Amino acid sequence: MNGYNFTERVRKVLAMAREEAARLHHEYVGTEHILLGVLREGEGVASTVLTNLSVEANALELRIDQIVKRGRPGQTAGPDLPYTSRAKKVLELAMSEARALNHTYVGTEHLLLGLLREEKGIGAQVLNDSGVNLDNARAETLRILGTEMPDQSKARNADWIGGAQTARPEPKLTDRMREVMHEAEQVATEFRAAHLAPIHLAVALIRHGDGVANAVIDRIGCDRGELLRALVAEAKAGGGETIPAGTLGISQQMLALQRHALSEARWHISGPATTLNTLLALLDTDEGIAKIFERSGITANQVRAEARKMSG
């Protein structure tokens, strides 16, 4: 387990779990302590999932305190407390969830799913009693991350543009980003553009409304409606004559953005390129779009900082 790529946020959660075990004078770290660690950390994807499922952290903490029995003061406690068999199973299942999503890291979202998949520990029981189950937690996690459970037979060879087949081990697109790309082509056609350009992708990304990019923008506090209106105005200004269906070209700026987004995906070890990678590529490679976002209070540095808070 030590060899797997736990994020710094997950390491922090596990440290907090040990602290919670010590607070309760327990000589072990159980599933209840891991859940308490997730709740105490409070900023990762797992916390966002629970918030979106209308779960209050304080209520979960209170329920755990009501269920578990405190140990005797003076019992051994320290940084080397052993994990229970159920807690070890949670970590194994978290790694399994990460692999299933083609992630090369274990984040708090995988830890939450591991708690639920374990089923019999106090952590799973408390979550289930609060209306959180594996299905709704996984669905909300995928919505936030802007992806779906990958179809390995399709996702492995799907390129960014044109659906070409390749054996190169490059990051590809999440299913959500494929939807956004399709919407970008519709935006370009709507505004009578001869070439698909970054501004059309920016409009499509914000219009789409879901995915981690929009979640980050919302956490920063941006008015997405106002931002979208500014992007649409820019897209309209670049329109021209109506062109025949199927003849939409790809601008050089769009190709540069594609390369940058794939580079972002490789840098952040996130597997397929996501809405977040694409948003950062837009802000890094197109000065005009970056200025529009900046007027709405969004910069690339803010996006990166907020994304780190969400995923560790």
Protein backbone atom coordinates (compact mmCIF):
# COMPACT_ATOMS: atom_id res chain seq x y z
CA MET A 1 0.00 0.00 0.00
CA ASN A 2 2.86 2.37 0.69
CA GLY A 3 3.95 2.11 -2.94
CA TYR A 4 0.71 3.53 -4.29
CA ASN A 5 0.48 7.21 -5.07
CA PHE A 6 -1.61 8.62 -2.23
CA THR A 7 -2.13 12.36 -2.63
CA GLU A 8 -0.86 14.68 0.06
CA ARG A 9 -4.46 15.30 1.04
CA VAL A 10 -5.08 11.59 1.60
CA ARG A 11 -1.90 11.36 3.68
CA LYS A 12 -3.26 14.26 5.72
CA VAL A 13 -6.59 12.46 6.14
CA LEU A 14 -4.85 9.31 7.36
CA ALA A 15 -2.77 11.35 9.82
CA MET A 16 -5.98 12.92 11.10
CA ALA A 17 -7.51 9.44 11.38
CA ARG A 18 -4.69 8.46 13.73
CA GLU A 19 -5.29 11.65 15.72
CA GLU A 20 -8.98 10.78 15.99
CA ALA A 21 -8.10 7.30 17.21
CA ALA A 22 -5.84 8.84 19.86
CA ARG A 23 -8.58 11.30 20.87
CA LEU A 24 -10.95 8.37 21.47
CA HIS A 25 -8.20 6.45 23.34
CA HIS A 26 -8.29 3.63 20.78
CA GLU A 27 -5.32 1.38 20.09
CA TYR A 28 -6.17 0.97 16.41
CA VAL A 29 -7.28 2.94 13.35
CA GLY A 30 -10.68 1.80 12.10
CA THR A 31 -13.05 2.81 9.33
CA GLU A 32 -14.73 5.27 11.70
CA HIS A 33 -11.44 7.09 12.23
CA ILE A 34 -10.79 7.27 8.47
CA LEU A 35 -14.23 8.81 7.96
CA LEU A 36 -13.56 11.29 10.77
CA GLY A 37 -10.29 12.18 9.02
CA VAL A 38 -12.14 12.84 5.76
CA LEU A 39 -14.65 15.04 7.58
CA ARG A 40 -11.98 16.97 9.48
CA GLU A 41 -9.90 17.64 6.37
CA GLY A 42 -12.98 19.17 4.81
CA GLU A 43 -11.73 20.44 1.42
CA GLY A 44 -11.13 17.44 -0.83
CA VAL A 45 -13.36 15.97 -3.51
CA ALA A 46 -14.86 13.59 -0.91
CA SER A 47 -16.07 16.54 1.17
CA THR A 48 -17.55 18.16 -1.93
CA VAL A 49 -19.36 14.90 -2.75
CA LEU A 50 -20.86 14.73 0.75
CA THR A 51 -21.88 18.38 0.66
CA ASN A 52 -23.57 17.91 -2.71
CA LEU A 53 -25.43 14.90 -1.30
CA SER A 54 -26.78 17.16 1.49
CA VAL A 55 -24.76 15.53 4.25
CA GLU A 56 -23.60 17.65 7.17
CA ALA A 57 -20.14 16.81 8.50
CA ASN A 58 -21.09 17.77 12.07
CA ALA A 59 -24.02 15.35 12.02
CA LEU A 60 -21.77 12.48 10.87
CA GLU A 61 -19.16 13.28 13.52
CA LEU A 62 -21.84 13.34 16.22
CA ARG A 63 -23.23 10.02 15.04
CA ILE A 64 -19.81 8.36 15.18
CA ASP A 65 -19.20 9.70 18.69
CA GLN A 66 -22.56 8.22 19.73
CA ILE A 67 -21.75 4.78 18.30
CA VAL A 68 -18.13 4.16 19.27
CA LYS A 69 -17.01 3.47 22.80
CA ARG A 70 -14.10 5.48 24.10
CA GLY A 71 -11.08 3.63 25.35
CA ARG A 72 -9.56 4.07 28.78
CA PRO A 73 -7.38 7.16 29.27
CA GLY A 74 -3.73 6.17 29.21
CA GLN A 75 -4.14 3.42 26.62
CA THR A 76 -1.32 3.27 24.07
CA ALA A 77 -1.73 5.75 21.24
CA GLY A 78 0.74 7.14 18.74
CA PRO A 79 1.73 7.54 15.11
CA ASP A 80 2.19 3.79 14.60
CA LEU A 81 -1.30 2.65 15.54
CA PRO A 82 -2.21 -0.43 13.49
CA TYR A 83 -5.07 -0.43 11.00
CA THR A 84 -7.93 -2.83 11.59
CA SER A 85 -8.60 -5.45 8.92
CA ARG A 86 -11.61 -3.41 7.78
CA ALA A 87 -9.55 -0.21 7.54
CA LYS A 88 -6.91 -2.05 5.49
CA LYS A 89 -9.70 -3.28 3.23
CA VAL A 90 -10.87 0.32 2.77
CA LEU A 91 -7.41 1.34 1.54
CA GLU A 92 -7.28 -1.63 -0.83
CA LEU A 93 -10.72 -0.79 -2.20
CA ALA A 94 -9.74 2.87 -2.59
CA MET A 95 -6.83 1.78 -4.77
CA SER A 96 -9.22 -0.45 -6.73
CA GLU A 97 -11.54 2.52 -7.32
CA ALA A 98 -8.60 4.62 -8.55
CA ARG A 99 -7.55 1.88 -10.98
CA ALA A 100 -11.12 1.51 -12.26
CA LEU A 101 -11.12 5.23 -13.13
CA ASN A 102 -7.68 5.03 -14.79
CA HIS A 103 -6.27 7.35 -12.09
CA THR A 104 -2.64 6.89 -11.09
CA TYR A 105 -3.24 8.41 -7.64
CA VAL A 106 -5.55 7.79 -4.70
CA GLY A 107 -7.50 10.88 -3.67
CA THR A 108 -10.08 11.51 -0.96
CA GLU A 109 -12.83 10.61 -3.44
CA HIS A 110 -11.40 7.10 -3.81
CA LEU A 111 -11.09 6.84 -0.02
CA LEU A 112 -14.79 7.69 0.38
CA LEU A 113 -15.75 5.08 -2.22
CA GLY A 114 -13.52 2.56 -0.45
CA LEU A 115 -15.33 3.22 2.84
CA LEU A 116 -18.67 2.56 1.14
CA ARG A 117 -17.50 -0.54 -0.74
CA GLU A 118 -16.24 -2.10 2.48
CA GLU A 119 -19.90 -2.08 3.62
CA LYS A 120 -19.66 -3.51 7.13
CA GLY A 121 -17.48 -1.04 9.04
CA ILE A 122 -18.78 1.80 11.17
CA GLY A 123 -17.73 4.27 8.49
CA ALA A 124 -19.99 2.65 5.86
CA GLN A 125 -22.85 2.24 8.34
CA VAL A 126 -22.83 5.91 9.33
CA LEU A 127 -22.66 7.02 5.69
CA ASN A 128 -25.51 4.69 4.70
CA ASP A 129 -27.65 5.91 7.62
CA SER A 130 -27.15 9.45 6.27
CA GLY A 131 -28.39 8.49 2.81
CA VAL A 132 -24.98 8.04 1.18
CA ASN A 133 -24.46 4.79 -0.70
CA LEU A 134 -21.91 3.55 -3.20
CA ASP A 135 -24.08 4.32 -6.21
CA ASN A 136 -24.94 7.94 -5.42
CA ALA A 137 -21.44 8.70 -4.11
CA ARG A 138 -19.78 7.27 -7.22
CA ALA A 139 -22.21 9.09 -9.52
CA GLU A 140 -21.54 12.42 -7.78
CA THR A 141 -17.78 11.80 -7.81
CA LEU A 142 -17.84 11.17 -11.56
CA ARG A 143 -20.00 14.27 -12.12
CA ILE A 144 -17.56 16.45 -10.17
CA LEU A 145 -14.51 14.99 -11.91
CA GLY A 146 -16.16 15.37 -15.31
CA THR A 147 -15.82 11.78 -16.40
CA GLU A 148 -17.59 8.43 -16.59
CA MET A 149 -16.48 4.91 -15.83
CA PRO A 150 -14.15 4.32 -18.78
CA ASP A 151 -14.99 1.85 -21.51
CA GLN A 152 -11.49 0.47 -22.02
CA SER A 153 -12.23 -0.78 -25.54
CA LYS A 154 -13.17 2.75 -26.68
CA ALA A 155 -11.31 5.21 -24.48
CA ARG A 156 -7.84 3.84 -25.10
CA ASN A 157 -7.63 4.94 -28.73
CA ALA A 158 -9.95 7.96 -28.96
CA ASP A 159 -8.02 11.06 -30.04
CA TRP A 160 -8.94 14.65 -29.22
CA ILE A 161 -10.06 15.59 -32.74
CA GLY A 162 -11.25 13.36 -35.53
CA GLY A 163 -11.43 10.03 -33.70
CA ALA A 164 -8.19 8.76 -35.25
CA GLN A 165 -6.70 5.54 -33.91
CA THR A 166 -3.25 5.50 -32.35
CA ALA A 167 -1.15 3.18 -30.24
CA ARG A 168 0.75 6.00 -28.55
CA PRO A 169 0.31 6.02 -24.73
CA GLU A 170 -0.87 9.65 -24.58
CA PRO A 171 -3.61 11.02 -22.34
CA LYS A 172 -6.96 11.07 -24.14
CA LEU A 173 -10.27 12.75 -23.39
CA THR A 174 -12.78 11.98 -20.70
CA ASP A 175 -16.27 11.26 -21.95
CA ARG A 176 -17.36 14.67 -20.67
CA MET A 177 -14.64 16.41 -22.67
CA ARG A 178 -15.78 14.59 -25.79
CA GLU A 179 -19.25 16.03 -25.15
CA VAL A 180 -17.77 19.51 -24.68
CA MET A 181 -15.75 19.19 -27.90
CA HIS A 182 -18.90 18.22 -29.79
CA GLU A 183 -20.67 21.23 -28.27
CA ALA A 184 -17.74 23.45 -29.30
CA GLU A 185 -18.22 22.40 -32.92
CA GLN A 186 -21.90 23.31 -32.62
CA VAL A 187 -20.93 26.71 -31.17
CA ALA A 188 -18.56 27.35 -34.09
CA THR A 189 -21.32 26.49 -36.55
CA GLU A 190 -23.83 28.61 -34.62
CA PHE A 191 -21.59 31.67 -34.92
CA ARG A 192 -20.71 30.99 -38.57
CA ALA A 193 -17.02 30.41 -38.00
CA ALA A 194 -14.88 28.82 -40.70
CA HIS A 195 -12.56 27.23 -38.11
CA LEU A 196 -13.01 25.67 -34.69
CA ALA A 197 -11.18 28.02 -32.31
CA PRO A 198 -10.46 28.23 -28.55
CA ILE A 199 -13.26 30.77 -28.01
CA HIS A 200 -15.83 28.20 -29.20
CA LEU A 201 -14.41 25.66 -26.76
CA ALA A 202 -14.55 28.22 -23.92
CA VAL A 203 -18.22 28.92 -24.64
CA ALA A 204 -19.01 25.20 -24.80
CA LEU A 205 -17.14 24.49 -21.57
CA ILE A 206 -19.12 27.07 -19.58
CA ARG A 207 -22.42 26.26 -21.31
CA HIS A 208 -21.95 22.59 -20.44
CA GLY A 209 -22.13 23.56 -16.79
CA ASP A 210 -20.77 20.39 -15.18
CA GLY A 211 -17.32 18.88 -14.69
CA VAL A 212 -14.46 19.81 -12.41
CA ALA A 213 -13.67 23.04 -14.31
CA ASN A 214 -17.10 24.48 -13.56
CA ALA A 215 -16.94 23.17 -10.00
CA VAL A 216 -13.67 25.07 -9.50
CA ILE A 217 -15.11 28.23 -11.06
CA ASP A 218 -18.11 28.03 -8.71
CA ARG A 219 -15.85 27.55 -5.67
CA ILE A 220 -13.90 30.67 -6.62
CA GLY A 221 -17.20 32.55 -6.66
CA CYS A 222 -17.49 33.56 -10.31
CA ASP A 223 -20.83 34.52 -11.88
CA ARG A 224 -20.87 31.93 -14.66
CA GLY A 225 -23.82 33.58 -16.41
CA GLU A 226 -21.94 36.85 -16.73
CA LEU A 227 -18.80 35.03 -17.86
CA LEU A 228 -20.73 33.10 -20.51
CA ARG A 229 -22.29 36.30 -21.90
CA ALA A 230 -18.84 37.84 -22.31
CA LEU A 231 -17.50 34.72 -24.05
CA VAL A 232 -20.51 34.53 -26.38
CA ALA A 233 -20.06 38.19 -27.34
CA GLU A 234 -16.44 37.46 -28.27
CA ALA A 235 -17.45 34.37 -30.27
CA LYS A 236 -20.11 36.32 -32.17
CA ALA A 237 -17.59 39.04 -33.06
CA GLY A 238 -15.45 36.46 -34.84
CA GLY A 239 -18.28 35.03 -36.94
CA GLY A 240 -18.47 35.21 -40.73
CA GLU A 241 -20.36 33.65 -43.60
CA THR A 242 -22.34 30.45 -43.25
CA ILE A 243 -20.22 27.49 -44.36
CA PRO A 244 -21.39 24.10 -45.66
CA ALA A 245 -21.95 21.42 -43.05
CA GLY A 246 -18.96 19.17 -42.46
CA THR A 247 -16.36 21.66 -43.70
CA LEU A 248 -15.42 23.18 -40.34
CA GLY A 249 -11.63 23.50 -40.08
CA ILE A 250 -9.33 23.51 -37.03
CA SER A 251 -7.43 26.69 -36.23
CA GLN A 252 -3.72 26.61 -35.37
CA GLN A 253 -4.60 28.14 -31.98
CA MET A 254 -6.92 25.21 -31.34
CA LEU A 255 -4.20 22.70 -32.15
CA ALA A 256 -1.82 24.50 -29.78
CA LEU A 257 -4.47 24.43 -27.08
CA GLN A 258 -4.95 20.70 -27.65
CA ARG A 259 -1.25 20.04 -27.09
CA HIS A 260 -1.22 22.18 -23.96
CA ALA A 261 -4.27 20.43 -22.47
CA LEU A 262 -2.72 17.01 -23.06
CA SER A 263 0.48 18.27 -21.45
CA GLU A 264 -1.54 19.44 -18.43
CA ALA A 265 -3.11 15.97 -18.18
CA ARG A 266 0.32 14.31 -18.19
CA TRP A 267 1.70 16.78 -15.66
CA HIS A 268 -1.18 16.23 -13.24
CA ILE A 269 -1.14 12.42 -13.77
CA SER A 270 -4.87 12.57 -14.31
CA GLY A 271 -5.11 10.14 -17.22
CA PRO A 272 -7.46 11.43 -19.95
CA ALA A 273 -7.60 15.19 -20.44
CA THR A 274 -10.42 16.67 -18.34
CA THR A 275 -12.41 19.88 -18.32
CA LEU A 276 -9.90 21.20 -15.76
CA ASN A 277 -6.92 20.53 -18.06
CA THR A 278 -8.81 22.25 -20.87
CA LEU A 279 -9.71 25.29 -18.78
CA LEU A 280 -6.07 25.73 -17.77
CA ALA A 281 -4.98 25.35 -21.40
CA LEU A 282 -7.46 28.07 -22.42
CA LEU A 283 -6.15 30.44 -19.75
CA ASP A 284 -2.49 29.69 -20.51
CA THR A 285 -2.55 29.82 -24.31
CA ASP A 286 -5.15 32.43 -25.30
CA GLU A 287 -4.54 35.94 -23.96
CA GLY A 288 -7.94 37.23 -25.11
CA ILE A 289 -9.85 34.46 -23.34
CA ALA A 290 -7.66 34.83 -20.25
CA LYS A 291 -8.58 38.52 -20.05
CA ILE A 292 -12.30 37.72 -20.26
CA PHE A 293 -11.95 35.24 -17.40
CA GLU A 294 -9.82 37.70 -15.43
CA ARG A 295 -12.57 40.32 -15.65
CA SER A 296 -14.83 37.74 -13.98
CA GLY A 297 -12.24 37.16 -11.25
CA ILE A 298 -10.70 33.95 -12.64
CA THR A 299 -6.98 33.43 -13.28
CA ALA A 300 -4.99 30.30 -14.07
CA ASN A 301 -3.20 30.50 -10.71
CA GLN A 302 -6.52 30.68 -8.86
CA VAL A 303 -7.84 27.69 -10.79
CA ARG A 304 -4.75 25.62 -9.99
CA ALA A 305 -4.87 26.59 -6.30
CA GLU A 306 -8.58 25.75 -5.97
CA ALA A 307 -8.16 22.47 -7.85
CA ARG A 308 -5.39 21.48 -5.42
CA LYS A 309 -7.73 22.19 -2.51
CA MET A 310 -10.36 19.92 -4.05
CA SER A 311 -8.19 16.95 -4.94
CA GLY A 312 -5.09 17.20 -2.82
